[in-house]
Amino acid sequence: MSDMPNKKDVWDRLTALATILVPAAIALAGHFVAQGLKQAEISSEERRAEQSLSISEANTKIAQASLINTMMKSLTSSNPQERKLAVEAVLIALPEQGPILVRTIAQSDEDKTVQTAARNSLEQRVSELIHDLFSEDAQVRIGAAQDLIQGWRNEPNVVLILVDFATQNRGNSNGVYNTVVVLNEFSPRALQAHKQEVLNFIEVAKATGSKTAAKAMALVQRLGG
């Protein structure tokens, strides 16, 4: 009997993930809305600005929850080509939940070519985001940092790719600083998997400037010295 996961298994796994991700996104959105309404009772301009930000974040979460449902149809399509296209789209459209869904496809899709496409898409997306950390455009750098933290903070292999790329491009002070900032937000488990490599990079980062050195020392503390 073949040990290849069948389409129902993949559907069940993705459905289970969606069952978790959609209510979580909506619940978080509800929290943002509640916080926004609470802030509306306070008249200061600062509180009004906070309210606007909270409502904006809530709307984003609600839109993401709806998008997950839409993407699920393509991710579980009977057409392998549609599934391949979907994994590329979901990584960009859903920076937090997308990598989770695509990793499931990479491990469980019934079609080996789709699994390979999913793995390639994951690798390509990480590469793009890391390169964007070193962009000349500040907004591009900020967006890349946010996406890396949201979708990849638990991935040890991304830690190694980050420190290798930053070390090779140590002349880009903004990129090195952004790498330190991103690593500070990665999970302890992911960091510990490549502790020595991170410590080696920290020595490089400390030479970039005082601001980067301060962030690098905070990273040392996260690593336990």
C-alpha atoms as a PDB file:
ATOM      1  CA  MET A   1       0.000   0.000   0.000  1.00  0.00           C
ATOM      2  CA  SER A   2       1.327   3.435  -0.923  1.00  0.00           C
ATOM      3  CA  ASP A   3       2.304   5.708   1.967  1.00  0.00           C
ATOM      4  CA  MET A   4       1.617   8.801  -0.201  1.00  0.00           C
ATOM      5  CA  PRO A   5      -0.745  11.145   1.685  1.00  0.00           C
ATOM      6  CA  ASN A   6      -4.051  11.300  -0.173  1.00  0.00           C
ATOM      7  CA  LYS A   7      -5.975  14.443  -1.074  1.00  0.00           C
ATOM      8  CA  LYS A   8      -8.391  13.963   1.823  1.00  0.00           C
ATOM      9  CA  ASP A   9      -5.487  13.949   4.297  1.00  0.00           C
ATOM     10  CA  VAL A  10      -4.172  17.228   2.894  1.00  0.00           C
ATOM     11  CA  TRP A  11      -7.653  18.734   2.890  1.00  0.00           C
ATOM     12  CA  ASP A  12      -8.156  17.648   6.513  1.00  0.00           C
ATOM     13  CA  ARG A  13      -4.866  19.219   7.568  1.00  0.00           C
ATOM     14  CA  LEU A  14      -5.514  22.482   5.762  1.00  0.00           C
ATOM     15  CA  THR A  15      -9.086  22.613   7.039  1.00  0.00           C
ATOM     16  CA  ALA A  16      -7.831  22.085  10.575  1.00  0.00           C
ATOM     17  CA  LEU A  17      -5.329  24.904  10.118  1.00  0.00           C
ATOM     18  CA  ALA A  18      -7.980  27.205   8.690  1.00  0.00           C
ATOM     19  CA  THR A  19     -10.286  26.325  11.582  1.00  0.00           C
ATOM     20  CA  ILE A  20      -7.600  27.625  13.914  1.00  0.00           C
ATOM     21  CA  LEU A  21      -6.357  30.574  11.864  1.00  0.00           C
ATOM     22  CA  VAL A  22      -9.671  32.129  10.856  1.00  0.00           C
ATOM     23  CA  PRO A  23     -11.254  32.333  14.341  1.00  0.00           C
ATOM     24  CA  ALA A  24      -7.925  33.511  15.755  1.00  0.00           C
ATOM     25  CA  ALA A  25      -7.720  36.317  13.221  1.00  0.00           C
ATOM     26  CA  ILE A  26     -11.344  37.314  13.847  1.00  0.00           C
ATOM     27  CA  ALA A  27     -10.919  37.134  17.626  1.00  0.00           C
ATOM     28  CA  LEU A  28      -7.858  39.328  17.425  1.00  0.00           C
ATOM     29  CA  ALA A  29      -9.749  41.715  15.184  1.00  0.00           C
ATOM     30  CA  GLY A  30     -12.517  41.864  17.775  1.00  0.00           C
ATOM     31  CA  HIS A  31      -9.953  42.716  20.397  1.00  0.00           C
ATOM     32  CA  PHE A  32      -8.608  45.562  18.270  1.00  0.00           C
ATOM     33  CA  VAL A  33     -12.129  46.884  17.684  1.00  0.00           C
ATOM     34  CA  ALA A  34     -12.936  46.757  21.393  1.00  0.00           C
ATOM     35  CA  GLN A  35      -9.741  48.584  22.194  1.00  0.00           C
ATOM     36  CA  GLY A  36     -10.479  51.144  19.512  1.00  0.00           C
ATOM     37  CA  LEU A  37     -13.964  51.822  20.861  1.00  0.00           C
ATOM     38  CA  LYS A  38     -12.615  52.152  24.366  1.00  0.00           C
ATOM     39  CA  GLN A  39     -10.087  54.708  23.209  1.00  0.00           C
ATOM     40  CA  ALA A  40     -12.874  56.677  21.519  1.00  0.00           C
ATOM     41  CA  GLU A  41     -14.075  57.714  24.957  1.00  0.00           C
ATOM     42  CA  ILE A  42     -10.870  59.671  25.487  1.00  0.00           C
ATOM     43  CA  SER A  43     -10.647  62.971  23.681  1.00  0.00           C
ATOM     44  CA  SER A  44      -6.895  63.537  23.452  1.00  0.00           C
ATOM     45  CA  GLU A  45      -5.366  63.555  19.987  1.00  0.00           C
ATOM     46  CA  GLU A  46      -2.941  60.836  20.997  1.00  0.00           C
ATOM     47  CA  ARG A  47      -5.792  58.549  22.024  1.00  0.00           C
ATOM     48  CA  ARG A  48      -7.657  59.326  18.821  1.00  0.00           C
ATOM     49  CA  ALA A  49      -4.590  58.323  16.825  1.00  0.00           C
ATOM     50  CA  GLU A  50      -4.359  55.076  18.776  1.00  0.00           C
ATOM     51  CA  GLN A  51      -8.021  54.407  18.068  1.00  0.00           C
ATOM     52  CA  SER A  52      -7.519  54.888  14.331  1.00  0.00           C
ATOM     53  CA  LEU A  53      -4.549  52.532  14.348  1.00  0.00           C
ATOM     54  CA  SER A  54      -6.488  49.889  16.297  1.00  0.00           C
ATOM     55  CA  ILE A  55      -9.414  49.999  13.885  1.00  0.00           C
ATOM     56  CA  SER A  56      -7.057  49.834  10.911  1.00  0.00           C
ATOM     57  CA  GLU A  57      -5.367  46.747  12.371  1.00  0.00           C
ATOM     58  CA  ALA A  58      -8.770  45.206  13.048  1.00  0.00           C
ATOM     59  CA  ASN A  59      -9.849  45.721   9.454  1.00  0.00           C
ATOM     60  CA  THR A  60      -6.621  44.116   8.266  1.00  0.00           C
ATOM     61  CA  LYS A  61      -7.201  41.039  10.435  1.00  0.00           C
ATOM     62  CA  ILE A  62     -10.785  40.692   9.245  1.00  0.00           C
ATOM     63  CA  ALA A  63      -9.649  40.926   5.630  1.00  0.00           C
ATOM     64  CA  GLN A  64      -6.998  38.296   6.260  1.00  0.00           C
ATOM     65  CA  ALA A  65      -9.554  35.950   7.791  1.00  0.00           C
ATOM     66  CA  SER A  66     -11.721  36.273   4.698  1.00  0.00           C
ATOM     67  CA  LEU A  67      -8.716  35.788   2.430  1.00  0.00           C
ATOM     68  CA  ILE A  68      -7.774  32.527   4.167  1.00  0.00           C
ATOM     69  CA  ASN A  69     -11.160  31.088   3.233  1.00  0.00           C
ATOM     70  CA  THR A  70     -10.715  32.211  -0.372  1.00  0.00           C
ATOM     71  CA  MET A  71      -7.195  30.817  -0.630  1.00  0.00           C
ATOM     72  CA  MET A  72      -8.276  27.458   0.782  1.00  0.00           C
ATOM     73  CA  LYS A  73     -10.268  26.745  -2.374  1.00  0.00           C
ATOM     74  CA  SER A  74      -7.196  27.091  -4.558  1.00  0.00           C
ATOM     75  CA  LEU A  75      -4.849  25.320  -2.134  1.00  0.00           C
ATOM     76  CA  THR A  76      -7.118  22.256  -2.175  1.00  0.00           C
ATOM     77  CA  SER A  77      -8.053  22.416  -5.861  1.00  0.00           C
ATOM     78  CA  SER A  78      -7.999  19.198  -7.873  1.00  0.00           C
ATOM     79  CA  ASN A  79      -5.785  21.023 -10.382  1.00  0.00           C
ATOM     80  CA  PRO A  80      -2.083  20.750  -9.387  1.00  0.00           C
ATOM     81  CA  GLN A  81      -1.205  23.859 -11.392  1.00  0.00           C
ATOM     82  CA  GLU A  82      -3.758  25.903  -9.475  1.00  0.00           C
ATOM     83  CA  ARG A  83      -2.305  24.665  -6.202  1.00  0.00           C
ATOM     84  CA  LYS A  84       1.201  25.652  -7.333  1.00  0.00           C
ATOM     85  CA  LEU A  85       0.049  29.164  -8.169  1.00  0.00           C
ATOM     86  CA  ALA A  86      -1.847  29.391  -4.897  1.00  0.00           C
ATOM     87  CA  VAL A  87       1.200  28.668  -2.751  1.00  0.00           C
ATOM     88  CA  GLU A  88       3.051  31.572  -4.358  1.00  0.00           C
ATOM     89  CA  ALA A  89       0.135  33.943  -3.831  1.00  0.00           C
ATOM     90  CA  VAL A  90      -0.620  32.970  -0.247  1.00  0.00           C
ATOM     91  CA  LEU A  91       2.946  33.648   0.909  1.00  0.00           C
ATOM     92  CA  ILE A  92       2.636  37.262  -0.209  1.00  0.00           C
ATOM     93  CA  ALA A  93      -1.022  37.846   0.626  1.00  0.00           C
ATOM     94  CA  LEU A  94      -0.853  36.296   4.104  1.00  0.00           C
ATOM     95  CA  PRO A  95       2.603  36.982   5.590  1.00  0.00           C
ATOM     96  CA  GLU A  96       1.731  35.425   8.953  1.00  0.00           C
ATOM     97  CA  GLN A  97      -0.569  32.498   8.104  1.00  0.00           C
ATOM     98  CA  GLY A  98       0.674  31.866   4.559  1.00  0.00           C
ATOM     99  CA  PRO A  99       3.943  30.157   5.472  1.00  0.00           C
ATOM    100  CA  ILE A 100       2.075  27.811   7.821  1.00  0.00           C
ATOM    101  CA  LEU A 101      -0.306  26.741   5.067  1.00  0.00           C
ATOM    102  CA  VAL A 102       2.430  26.381   2.451  1.00  0.00           C
ATOM    103  CA  ARG A 103       4.606  24.284   4.771  1.00  0.00           C
ATOM    104  CA  THR A 104       1.681  21.888   5.087  1.00  0.00           C
ATOM    105  CA  ILE A 105       1.412  21.670   1.294  1.00  0.00           C
ATOM    106  CA  ALA A 106       5.180  21.092   1.056  1.00  0.00           C
ATOM    107  CA  GLN A 107       4.917  18.127   3.395  1.00  0.00           C
ATOM    108  CA  SER A 108       1.573  16.595   2.524  1.00  0.00           C
ATOM    109  CA  ASP A 109       0.334  17.323  -0.995  1.00  0.00           C
ATOM    110  CA  GLU A 110      -0.553  14.211  -2.973  1.00  0.00           C
ATOM    111  CA  ASP A 111       1.412  15.496  -5.980  1.00  0.00           C
ATOM    112  CA  LYS A 112       5.199  15.490  -5.550  1.00  0.00           C
ATOM    113  CA  THR A 113       5.562  18.325  -8.057  1.00  0.00           C
ATOM    114  CA  VAL A 114       3.284  20.490  -5.910  1.00  0.00           C
ATOM    115  CA  GLN A 115       5.316  19.606  -2.813  1.00  0.00           C
ATOM    116  CA  THR A 116       8.475  20.652  -4.640  1.00  0.00           C
ATOM    117  CA  ALA A 117       6.864  23.858  -5.880  1.00  0.00           C
ATOM    118  CA  ALA A 118       5.773  24.680  -2.334  1.00  0.00           C
ATOM    119  CA  ARG A 119       9.270  24.119  -0.946  1.00  0.00           C
ATOM    120  CA  ASN A 120      10.768  26.243  -3.717  1.00  0.00           C
ATOM    121  CA  SER A 121       8.243  29.006  -3.049  1.00  0.00           C
ATOM    122  CA  LEU A 122       9.126  29.010   0.641  1.00  0.00           C
ATOM    123  CA  GLU A 123      12.845  29.255  -0.131  1.00  0.00           C
ATOM    124  CA  GLN A 124      12.321  31.970  -2.733  1.00  0.00           C
ATOM    125  CA  ARG A 125      10.122  34.043  -0.431  1.00  0.00           C
ATOM    126  CA  VAL A 126      12.671  33.915   2.393  1.00  0.00           C
ATOM    127  CA  SER A 127      15.423  34.932  -0.022  1.00  0.00           C
ATOM    128  CA  GLU A 128      13.368  37.869  -1.308  1.00  0.00           C
ATOM    129  CA  LEU A 129      12.561  39.110   2.196  1.00  0.00           C
ATOM    130  CA  ILE A 130      16.168  38.898   3.358  1.00  0.00           C
ATOM    131  CA  HIS A 131      17.379  40.771   0.291  1.00  0.00           C
ATOM    132  CA  ASP A 132      14.712  43.410   0.973  1.00  0.00           C
ATOM    133  CA  LEU A 133      16.146  43.936   4.471  1.00  0.00           C
ATOM    134  CA  PHE A 134      19.120  45.461   2.659  1.00  0.00           C
ATOM    135  CA  SER A 135      17.099  47.596   0.228  1.00  0.00           C
ATOM    136  CA  GLU A 136      17.848  51.284  -0.256  1.00  0.00           C
ATOM    137  CA  ASP A 137      14.131  51.965   0.327  1.00  0.00           C
ATOM    138  CA  ALA A 138      13.312  52.292   4.032  1.00  0.00           C
ATOM    139  CA  GLN A 139       9.688  51.200   3.587  1.00  0.00           C
ATOM    140  CA  VAL A 140      10.800  48.063   1.758  1.00  0.00           C
ATOM    141  CA  ARG A 141      13.185  47.261   4.630  1.00  0.00           C
ATOM    142  CA  ILE A 142      10.472  47.780   7.217  1.00  0.00           C
ATOM    143  CA  GLY A 143       7.967  45.634   5.332  1.00  0.00           C
ATOM    144  CA  ALA A 144      10.472  42.815   4.924  1.00  0.00           C
ATOM    145  CA  ALA A 145      11.349  42.883   8.621  1.00  0.00           C
ATOM    146  CA  GLN A 146       7.688  42.692   9.600  1.00  0.00           C
ATOM    147  CA  ASP A 147       6.990  39.775   7.246  1.00  0.00           C
ATOM    148  CA  LEU A 148      10.028  37.833   8.438  1.00  0.00           C
ATOM    149  CA  ILE A 149       9.018  38.254  12.059  1.00  0.00           C
ATOM    150  CA  GLN A 150       5.380  37.345  11.432  1.00  0.00           C
ATOM    151  CA  GLY A 151       5.855  34.288   9.286  1.00  0.00           C
ATOM    152  CA  TRP A 152       9.327  32.915   9.950  1.00  0.00           C
ATOM    153  CA  ARG A 153      10.309  33.639  13.557  1.00  0.00           C
ATOM    154  CA  ASN A 154      10.162  29.974  14.525  1.00  0.00           C
ATOM    155  CA  GLU A 155      12.300  28.685  11.644  1.00  0.00           C
ATOM    156  CA  PRO A 156      15.911  27.801  12.612  1.00  0.00           C
ATOM    157  CA  ASN A 157      16.986  27.489   8.974  1.00  0.00           C
ATOM    158  CA  VAL A 158      15.998  31.125   8.371  1.00  0.00           C
ATOM    159  CA  VAL A 159      18.257  32.219  11.234  1.00  0.00           C
ATOM    160  CA  LEU A 160      21.230  30.669   9.469  1.00  0.00           C
ATOM    161  CA  ILE A 161      20.314  32.235   6.114  1.00  0.00           C
ATOM    162  CA  LEU A 162      19.910  35.637   7.778  1.00  0.00           C
ATOM    163  CA  VAL A 163      23.283  35.654   9.527  1.00  0.00           C
ATOM    164  CA  ASP A 164      25.107  34.299   6.476  1.00  0.00           C
ATOM    165  CA  PHE A 165      23.652  36.935   4.161  1.00  0.00           C
ATOM    166  CA  ALA A 166      24.214  39.772   6.632  1.00  0.00           C
ATOM    167  CA  THR A 167      27.811  38.716   7.238  1.00  0.00           C
ATOM    168  CA  GLN A 168      28.485  38.645   3.519  1.00  0.00           C
ATOM    169  CA  ASN A 169      26.920  42.107   3.171  1.00  0.00           C
ATOM    170  CA  ARG A 170      28.328  43.690   6.316  1.00  0.00           C
ATOM    171  CA  GLY A 171      29.060  46.895   4.408  1.00  0.00           C
ATOM    172  CA  ASN A 172      25.314  47.647   4.296  1.00  0.00           C
ATOM    173  CA  SER A 173      24.822  49.113   7.777  1.00  0.00           C
ATOM    174  CA  ASN A 174      21.034  49.407   7.445  1.00  0.00           C
ATOM    175  CA  GLY A 175      20.763  45.778   6.435  1.00  0.00           C
ATOM    176  CA  VAL A 176      22.967  44.582   9.289  1.00  0.00           C
ATOM    177  CA  TYR A 177      20.949  46.644  11.772  1.00  0.00           C
ATOM    178  CA  ASN A 178      17.669  45.286  10.419  1.00  0.00           C
ATOM    179  CA  THR A 179      18.986  41.734  10.659  1.00  0.00           C
ATOM    180  CA  VAL A 180      19.804  42.227  14.338  1.00  0.00           C
ATOM    181  CA  VAL A 181      16.354  43.704  14.950  1.00  0.00           C
ATOM    182  CA  VAL A 182      14.653  40.768  13.224  1.00  0.00           C
ATOM    183  CA  LEU A 183      16.742  38.175  15.074  1.00  0.00           C
ATOM    184  CA  ASN A 184      15.778  39.785  18.371  1.00  0.00           C
ATOM    185  CA  GLU A 185      12.169  38.856  17.555  1.00  0.00           C
ATOM    186  CA  PHE A 186      12.899  35.236  16.616  1.00  0.00           C
ATOM    187  CA  SER A 187      11.968  32.480  19.048  1.00  0.00           C
ATOM    188  CA  PRO A 188      14.620  31.261  21.501  1.00  0.00           C
ATOM    189  CA  ARG A 189      14.362  27.755  20.014  1.00  0.00           C
ATOM    190  CA  ALA A 190      15.169  29.004  16.521  1.00  0.00           C
ATOM    191  CA  LEU A 191      18.089  31.100  17.778  1.00  0.00           C
ATOM    192  CA  GLN A 192      19.570  28.358  19.924  1.00  0.00           C
ATOM    193  CA  ALA A 193      19.683  25.981  16.949  1.00  0.00           C
ATOM    194  CA  HIS A 194      22.448  28.166  15.467  1.00  0.00           C
ATOM    195  CA  LYS A 195      23.742  29.880  18.587  1.00  0.00           C
ATOM    196  CA  GLN A 196      27.410  29.942  17.609  1.00  0.00           C
ATOM    197  CA  GLU A 197      26.679  31.306  14.146  1.00  0.00           C
ATOM    198  CA  VAL A 198      24.526  34.056  15.684  1.00  0.00           C
ATOM    199  CA  LEU A 199      27.239  34.924  18.200  1.00  0.00           C
ATOM    200  CA  ASN A 200      29.789  35.138  15.379  1.00  0.00           C
ATOM    201  CA  PHE A 201      27.485  37.488  13.483  1.00  0.00           C
ATOM    202  CA  ILE A 202      26.970  39.620  16.580  1.00  0.00           C
ATOM    203  CA  GLU A 203      30.689  40.416  16.605  1.00  0.00           C
ATOM    204  CA  VAL A 204      30.351  41.602  13.012  1.00  0.00           C
ATOM    205  CA  ALA A 205      27.242  43.629  13.825  1.00  0.00           C
ATOM    206  CA  LYS A 206      28.823  45.369  16.823  1.00  0.00           C
ATOM    207  CA  ALA A 207      31.429  46.911  14.540  1.00  0.00           C
ATOM    208  CA  THR A 208      28.733  48.494  12.361  1.00  0.00           C
ATOM    209  CA  GLY A 209      27.773  51.296  14.748  1.00  0.00           C
ATOM    210  CA  SER A 210      26.660  52.118  18.268  1.00  0.00           C
ATOM    211  CA  LYS A 211      22.943  51.707  17.568  1.00  0.00           C
ATOM    212  CA  THR A 212      23.481  48.285  16.031  1.00  0.00           C
ATOM    213  CA  ALA A 213      25.873  47.323  18.832  1.00  0.00           C
ATOM    214  CA  ALA A 214      23.200  48.087  21.432  1.00  0.00           C
ATOM    215  CA  LYS A 215      20.687  45.864  19.641  1.00  0.00           C
ATOM    216  CA  ALA A 216      23.354  43.192  19.263  1.00  0.00           C
ATOM    217  CA  MET A 217      23.954  43.129  23.019  1.00  0.00           C
ATOM    218  CA  ALA A 218      20.233  42.627  23.576  1.00  0.00           C
ATOM    219  CA  LEU A 219      20.474  39.639  21.231  1.00  0.00           C
ATOM    220  CA  VAL A 220      23.373  38.252  23.285  1.00  0.00           C
ATOM    221  CA  GLN A 221      21.133  38.373  26.359  1.00  0.00           C
ATOM    222  CA  ARG A 222      18.392  36.496  24.506  1.00  0.00           C
ATOM    223  CA  LEU A 223      20.931  33.816  23.709  1.00  0.00           C
ATOM    224  CA  GLY A 224      21.865  33.534  27.355  1.00  0.00           C
ATOM    225  CA  GLY A 225      25.253  35.180  27.032  1.00  0.00           C
END
